[in-house]
Protein backbone atom coordinates (compact mmCIF):
# COMPACT_ATOMS: atom_id res chain seq x y z
CA MET A 1 97.80 105.74 104.96
CA THR A 2 99.98 106.64 107.76
CA ALA A 3 99.54 108.76 110.92
CA ASP A 4 101.55 111.74 109.20
CA ASP A 5 98.76 112.18 106.99
CA ASN A 6 97.01 115.52 108.34
CA ASP A 7 94.66 115.99 105.71
CA PRO A 8 91.15 115.25 107.22
CA LEU A 9 90.08 113.81 103.73
CA VAL A 10 92.46 110.96 104.10
CA HIS A 11 90.89 110.28 107.60
CA HIS A 12 87.23 110.42 106.22
CA LEU A 13 88.18 108.22 103.55
CA ALA A 14 89.47 105.65 105.84
CA GLU A 15 86.52 106.19 108.06
CA LEU A 16 84.25 105.42 105.09
CA ALA A 17 86.30 102.51 103.74
CA LYS A 18 86.00 100.86 107.24
CA GLU A 19 82.15 101.34 107.67
CA LEU A 20 81.61 100.06 104.17
CA ASP A 21 83.82 96.95 104.76
CA THR A 22 81.40 95.95 107.42
CA GLU A 23 78.66 95.87 104.85
CA ASN A 24 80.94 93.91 102.35
CA ILE A 25 81.06 96.96 99.93
CA PRO A 26 84.47 97.59 98.17
CA ILE A 27 85.35 101.45 97.42
CA ILE A 28 86.35 102.26 93.77
CA LEU A 29 88.23 105.66 94.24
CA GLY A 30 89.06 108.11 91.59
CA GLY A 31 89.59 111.68 91.05
CA GLY A 32 92.39 113.64 92.99
CA MET A 33 92.30 111.52 95.98
CA GLY A 34 92.80 108.41 93.84
CA LEU A 35 95.71 110.12 92.02
CA TYR A 36 97.21 111.32 95.36
CA LEU A 37 96.91 107.59 97.00
CA ARG A 38 98.31 106.02 93.62
CA GLN A 39 101.27 108.33 93.65
CA LYS A 40 102.13 107.99 97.34
CA PHE A 41 101.77 104.07 97.67
CA LEU A 42 102.19 102.67 94.06
CA SER A 43 104.51 105.01 92.04
CA ARG A 44 107.60 102.93 92.26
CA GLN A 45 105.54 99.57 91.91
CA ALA A 46 103.54 100.38 88.86
CA ALA A 47 105.84 100.16 85.91
CA ARG A 48 102.75 100.42 83.47
CA TYR A 49 103.01 104.08 84.06
CA PRO A 50 106.61 105.30 83.81
CA PHE A 51 105.82 108.67 85.13
CA ASP A 52 104.10 110.24 88.00
CA LEU A 53 100.78 111.83 87.82
CA LEU A 54 100.24 115.28 88.83
CA ALA A 55 98.31 115.00 92.08
CA ARG A 56 96.13 117.90 92.89
CA SER A 57 94.58 119.22 96.15
CA THR A 58 90.70 118.05 96.57
CA GLU A 59 87.78 118.57 98.55
CA ASP A 60 85.83 115.34 97.85
CA LEU A 61 85.91 111.52 97.68
CA ASP A 62 85.10 110.47 93.97
CA ILE A 63 83.40 106.91 94.57
CA PHE A 64 82.50 105.01 91.55
CA LEU A 65 79.57 102.65 91.78
CA SER A 66 79.83 99.34 90.20
CA SER A 67 76.84 97.87 88.23
CA GLY A 68 76.75 94.99 90.61
CA LEU A 69 76.50 97.42 93.51
CA ILE A 70 73.67 99.54 91.85
CA ALA A 71 71.78 96.41 91.27
CA ASP A 72 71.98 95.24 94.80
CA ALA A 73 69.02 97.08 96.63
CA VAL A 74 70.27 95.72 100.04
CA LYS A 75 74.01 97.29 99.30
CA ILE A 76 72.77 100.33 98.12
CA ASP A 77 70.69 100.84 101.11
CA ALA A 78 73.50 99.98 103.18
CA LEU A 79 75.85 102.58 101.41
CA ARG A 80 73.16 105.38 101.95
CA HIS A 81 72.69 104.38 105.53
CA THR A 82 76.43 104.55 105.86
CA ILE A 83 76.77 107.92 104.35
CA ASP A 84 74.00 109.35 106.68
CA ARG A 85 75.47 107.60 109.79
CA LEU A 86 78.75 109.35 109.06
CA GLY A 87 76.95 112.75 109.11
CA TYR A 88 76.72 113.57 105.55
CA GLN A 89 74.07 115.57 104.06
CA VAL A 90 72.59 115.54 100.83
CA VAL A 91 73.78 118.27 98.39
CA PRO A 92 70.07 119.34 97.25
CA ASN A 93 70.99 120.27 93.63
CA ALA A 94 73.00 116.81 93.07
CA ARG A 95 70.52 114.72 95.08
CA ASN A 96 71.43 110.94 95.96
CA PHE A 97 74.76 111.44 93.94
CA GLN A 98 76.68 114.28 96.05
CA PHE A 99 76.92 114.48 99.90
CA LYS A 100 78.72 116.81 102.33
CA LYS A 101 79.61 117.67 105.96
CA THR A 102 81.47 120.30 107.65
CA VAL A 103 84.47 119.37 109.84
CA LEU A 104 86.75 121.62 112.03
CA LEU A 105 90.29 121.76 111.00
CA TYR A 106 92.41 124.28 113.09
CA GLY A 107 89.26 125.82 114.30
CA GLN A 108 87.81 126.53 110.80
CA GLY A 109 85.14 124.63 108.91
CA ARG A 110 86.31 122.64 105.98
CA THR A 111 83.73 120.88 103.63
CA ILE A 112 84.05 116.96 103.11
CA LYS A 113 82.37 115.82 100.11
CA ILE A 114 81.49 112.44 98.69
CA ASP A 115 80.61 112.21 94.98
CA LEU A 116 78.93 109.02 93.94
CA LEU A 117 79.64 108.53 90.08
CA ALA A 118 77.64 106.22 87.93
CA ALA A 119 76.27 106.16 84.56
CA PRO A 120 73.20 108.64 84.27
CA PRO A 121 69.84 106.98 84.82
CA ARG A 122 67.64 106.63 81.92
CA GLU A 123 64.41 108.74 81.97
């Protein structure tokens, strides 16, 4: 990521990644932001995909939770505390899987969301 990235989502991804790095929790990023970063930094290096994927605008960071992370109560607690510390609030109808906060961009509010993606829990 470079200083010319003015999208606040890039900034908040970097902020989240930096905080989680201190807890030794790697980010597995998907969705629109994952495609954007792949295209921006890897499109010329990834011969496996001979075409550029269409990047789309997004308002969320889709974070995949690995089974190792889910099984580690200490790391899951650290993840949740990090999300709280960065000012995200739980989305009530998606409790424990979606979080959001509002940031100002050019004087107007913009919602930044984190979606935690994992296999659905058994009953």
